């Protein structure tokens, strides 16, 4: 019985890892159930025994990937009382995260419309939480322009633009922080 459970767990893990690999290379929109099954070395029927629908597979894939690649710890940013220092730290950690996980994050943001709704909701919730923590210490956190500037700074495409112009995560976070500080000065 123990060997059978090990085999079941191993098959499930291979399927999830195959889905993660395909999402990271070709993207969720171009990942098929047949492709995941082939990559995992199982039949489609075996895949469906473990994951009855794509949403279940996406849930397992997403959980597996984020367990190995957790977002920056937003709650740690609160130790910085100075608004600009907190913003620079948060952006530096986020940009480093984007840099280390660019292919998967790029594919995920690009294909969010074709993924189960919970994936997009999770991405939005994470960015909303970061935004809330980063805007807290500013003297006028309700300033609409400040809110937009920080949301823009958090976006993957903002980091990609800065990185494509040769900026490392620390340089990009310094530049975006200076721009936000200039906006409110």
Protein backbone atom coordinates (compact mmCIF):
# COMPACT_ATOMS: atom_id res chain seq x y z
CA UNK A 1 0.00 0.00 0.00
CA UNK A 2 2.84 2.42 0.85
CA UNK A 3 4.51 1.84 -2.52
CA UNK A 4 1.24 2.56 -4.33
CA UNK A 5 0.80 5.85 -2.43
CA UNK A 6 4.38 6.78 -3.30
CA UNK A 7 3.69 6.06 -6.96
CA UNK A 8 0.51 8.15 -6.86
CA UNK A 9 2.32 11.06 -5.20
CA UNK A 10 5.19 10.77 -7.67
CA UNK A 11 2.84 10.81 -10.64
CA UNK A 12 0.97 13.81 -9.25
CA UNK A 13 4.26 15.65 -8.65
CA UNK A 14 5.48 14.89 -12.21
CA UNK A 15 2.23 16.25 -13.64
CA UNK A 16 2.44 19.45 -11.59
CA UNK A 17 6.11 19.97 -12.42
CA UNK A 18 5.37 19.40 -16.12
CA UNK A 19 2.63 22.05 -15.97
CA UNK A 20 4.95 24.47 -14.19
CA UNK A 21 7.68 23.90 -16.77
CA UNK A 22 5.31 24.47 -19.69
CA UNK A 23 3.77 27.57 -18.08
CA UNK A 24 7.27 28.94 -17.61
CA UNK A 25 8.41 28.21 -21.16
CA UNK A 26 5.47 28.46 -23.57
CA UNK A 27 3.06 30.13 -21.16
CA UNK A 28 -0.30 29.11 -19.75
CA UNK A 29 -2.18 30.09 -22.93
CA UNK A 30 -0.09 27.68 -25.00
CA UNK A 31 -0.02 24.84 -22.49
CA UNK A 32 -2.37 21.98 -23.30
CA UNK A 33 -3.50 19.03 -21.21
CA UNK A 34 -1.95 16.75 -23.85
CA UNK A 35 1.32 18.65 -23.59
CA UNK A 36 1.38 18.37 -19.79
CA UNK A 37 0.58 14.65 -19.96
CA UNK A 38 3.32 14.06 -22.54
CA UNK A 39 5.87 16.07 -20.56
CA UNK A 40 4.95 14.16 -17.38
CA UNK A 41 5.11 10.82 -19.19
CA UNK A 42 1.50 9.88 -18.44
CA UNK A 43 -1.69 9.34 -20.39
CA UNK A 44 -4.35 12.07 -20.43
CA UNK A 45 -6.65 9.74 -18.51
CA UNK A 46 -4.03 9.48 -15.75
CA UNK A 47 -3.72 13.27 -15.63
CA UNK A 48 -7.50 13.61 -15.32
CA UNK A 49 -7.58 11.06 -12.47
CA UNK A 50 -5.29 13.39 -10.52
CA UNK A 51 -6.72 16.68 -11.81
CA UNK A 52 -10.34 16.45 -12.99
CA UNK A 53 -10.23 19.87 -14.69
CA UNK A 54 -7.81 22.59 -15.73
CA UNK A 55 -8.69 24.78 -12.75
CA UNK A 56 -7.59 22.05 -10.34
CA UNK A 57 -4.35 21.62 -12.27
CA UNK A 58 -3.79 25.41 -12.29
CA UNK A 59 -4.35 25.52 -8.53
CA UNK A 60 -1.77 22.80 -7.91
CA UNK A 61 0.64 24.36 -10.39
CA UNK A 62 0.29 27.84 -8.90
CA UNK A 63 0.67 26.58 -5.31
CA UNK A 64 3.71 24.51 -6.26
CA UNK A 65 5.42 27.39 -8.07
CA UNK A 66 4.78 30.02 -5.39
CA UNK A 67 5.92 27.62 -2.65
CA UNK A 68 9.28 27.49 -4.43
CA UNK A 69 9.29 31.16 -5.46
CA UNK A 70 7.52 33.15 -2.75
CA UNK A 71 6.79 36.84 -3.25
CA UNK A 72 8.90 39.29 -1.22
CA UNK A 73 7.77 39.52 2.41
CA UNK A 74 5.68 42.68 2.31
CA UNK A 75 5.19 42.76 6.07
CA UNK A 76 8.96 43.20 6.50
CA UNK A 77 8.77 46.51 4.64
CA UNK A 78 6.84 48.06 7.52
CA UNK A 79 10.01 48.28 9.62
CA UNK A 80 10.93 51.23 7.41
CA UNK A 81 9.08 54.29 8.76
CA UNK A 82 10.43 56.68 6.16
CA UNK A 83 8.17 56.59 3.09
CA UNK A 84 10.97 56.87 0.51
CA UNK A 85 13.15 54.29 2.27
CA UNK A 86 10.21 51.87 2.47
CA UNK A 87 9.36 52.42 -1.20
CA UNK A 88 12.95 51.90 -2.34
CA UNK A 89 13.29 48.72 -0.27
CA UNK A 90 9.98 47.33 -1.50
CA UNK A 91 10.72 48.08 -5.13
CA UNK A 92 14.26 46.70 -4.86
CA UNK A 93 12.95 43.42 -3.45
CA UNK A 94 10.12 43.23 -5.97
CA UNK A 95 12.37 44.06 -8.92
CA UNK A 96 14.88 41.44 -7.75
CA UNK A 97 11.97 38.97 -7.63
CA UNK A 98 10.88 39.93 -11.14
CA UNK A 99 14.49 39.62 -12.34
CA UNK A 100 14.85 36.13 -10.86
CA UNK A 101 11.46 34.94 -12.14
CA UNK A 102 10.99 36.99 -15.29
CA UNK A 103 9.89 34.26 -17.70
CA UNK A 104 7.17 32.83 -15.46
CA UNK A 105 5.93 36.23 -14.32
CA UNK A 106 5.92 37.58 -17.86
CA UNK A 107 3.99 34.57 -19.14
CA UNK A 108 1.55 34.76 -16.23
CA UNK A 109 0.79 38.46 -16.62
CA UNK A 110 0.54 38.05 -20.40
CA UNK A 111 -1.83 35.08 -20.22
CA UNK A 112 -3.85 36.05 -17.16
CA UNK A 113 -7.05 36.45 -19.20
CA UNK A 114 -7.06 32.77 -20.21
CA UNK A 115 -6.23 31.38 -16.77
CA UNK A 116 -8.76 30.57 -14.08
CA UNK A 117 -10.01 33.74 -12.39
CA UNK A 118 -8.33 32.92 -9.07
CA UNK A 119 -4.88 33.34 -10.67
CA UNK A 120 -5.53 36.92 -11.78
CA UNK A 121 -7.25 37.68 -8.48
CA UNK A 122 -4.22 36.37 -6.61
CA UNK A 123 -1.81 38.48 -8.66
CA UNK A 124 -3.97 41.59 -8.17
CA UNK A 125 -4.33 40.92 -4.44
CA UNK A 126 -0.56 40.60 -4.04
CA UNK A 127 0.09 43.88 -5.87
CA UNK A 128 -2.76 45.60 -3.97
CA UNK A 129 -1.20 44.48 -0.68
CA UNK A 130 2.21 45.80 -1.74
CA UNK A 131 0.62 49.09 -2.79
CA UNK A 132 -1.17 49.46 0.55
CA UNK A 133 2.01 48.86 2.54
CA UNK A 134 4.11 51.18 0.38
CA UNK A 135 1.63 54.07 0.42
CA UNK A 136 0.98 53.98 4.20
CA UNK A 137 3.85 56.21 5.42
CA UNK A 138 3.41 59.02 2.88
CA UNK A 139 2.08 62.31 4.33
CA UNK A 140 -0.82 62.33 1.83
CA UNK A 141 -1.51 58.67 0.98
CA UNK A 142 -4.83 59.66 -0.59
CA UNK A 143 -3.05 61.76 -3.26
CA UNK A 144 -4.33 60.27 -6.51
CA UNK A 145 -1.11 60.94 -8.44
CA UNK A 146 0.97 59.29 -5.69
CA UNK A 147 -1.28 56.24 -5.74
CA UNK A 148 -0.99 55.91 -9.52
CA UNK A 149 2.79 56.42 -9.44
CA UNK A 150 3.29 53.67 -6.87
CA UNK A 151 0.93 51.29 -8.74
CA UNK A 152 2.90 51.99 -11.91
CA UNK A 153 6.20 51.35 -10.12
CA UNK A 154 4.93 47.96 -8.94
CA UNK A 155 3.98 46.69 -12.36
CA UNK A 156 6.05 44.03 -14.08
CA UNK A 157 6.11 46.03 -17.31
CA UNK A 158 7.62 49.02 -15.51
CA UNK A 159 10.47 46.87 -14.24
CA UNK A 160 10.90 45.27 -17.67
CA UNK A 161 11.21 48.68 -19.29
CA UNK A 162 13.84 49.77 -16.79
CA UNK A 163 15.74 46.47 -17.04
CA UNK A 164 15.71 46.59 -20.86
CA UNK A 165 17.49 49.94 -20.55
CA UNK A 166 20.27 48.31 -18.56
CA UNK A 167 19.22 49.02 -14.97
CA UNK A 168 19.80 46.41 -12.29
CA UNK A 169 17.00 45.96 -9.71
CA UNK A 170 18.71 48.27 -7.19
CA UNK A 171 19.23 50.98 -9.81
CA UNK A 172 15.66 50.67 -11.08
CA UNK A 173 14.23 50.92 -7.56
CA UNK A 174 16.36 54.00 -6.82
CA UNK A 175 15.18 55.68 -10.03
CA UNK A 176 11.49 54.94 -9.42
CA UNK A 177 11.75 56.09 -5.81
CA UNK A 178 13.39 59.36 -6.91
CA UNK A 179 10.60 59.87 -9.43
CA UNK A 180 7.90 59.32 -6.81
CA UNK A 181 9.66 61.59 -4.29
CA UNK A 182 9.96 64.25 -7.01
CA UNK A 183 6.25 63.96 -7.67
CA UNK A 184 5.28 64.74 -4.07
CA UNK A 185 8.00 67.30 -3.30
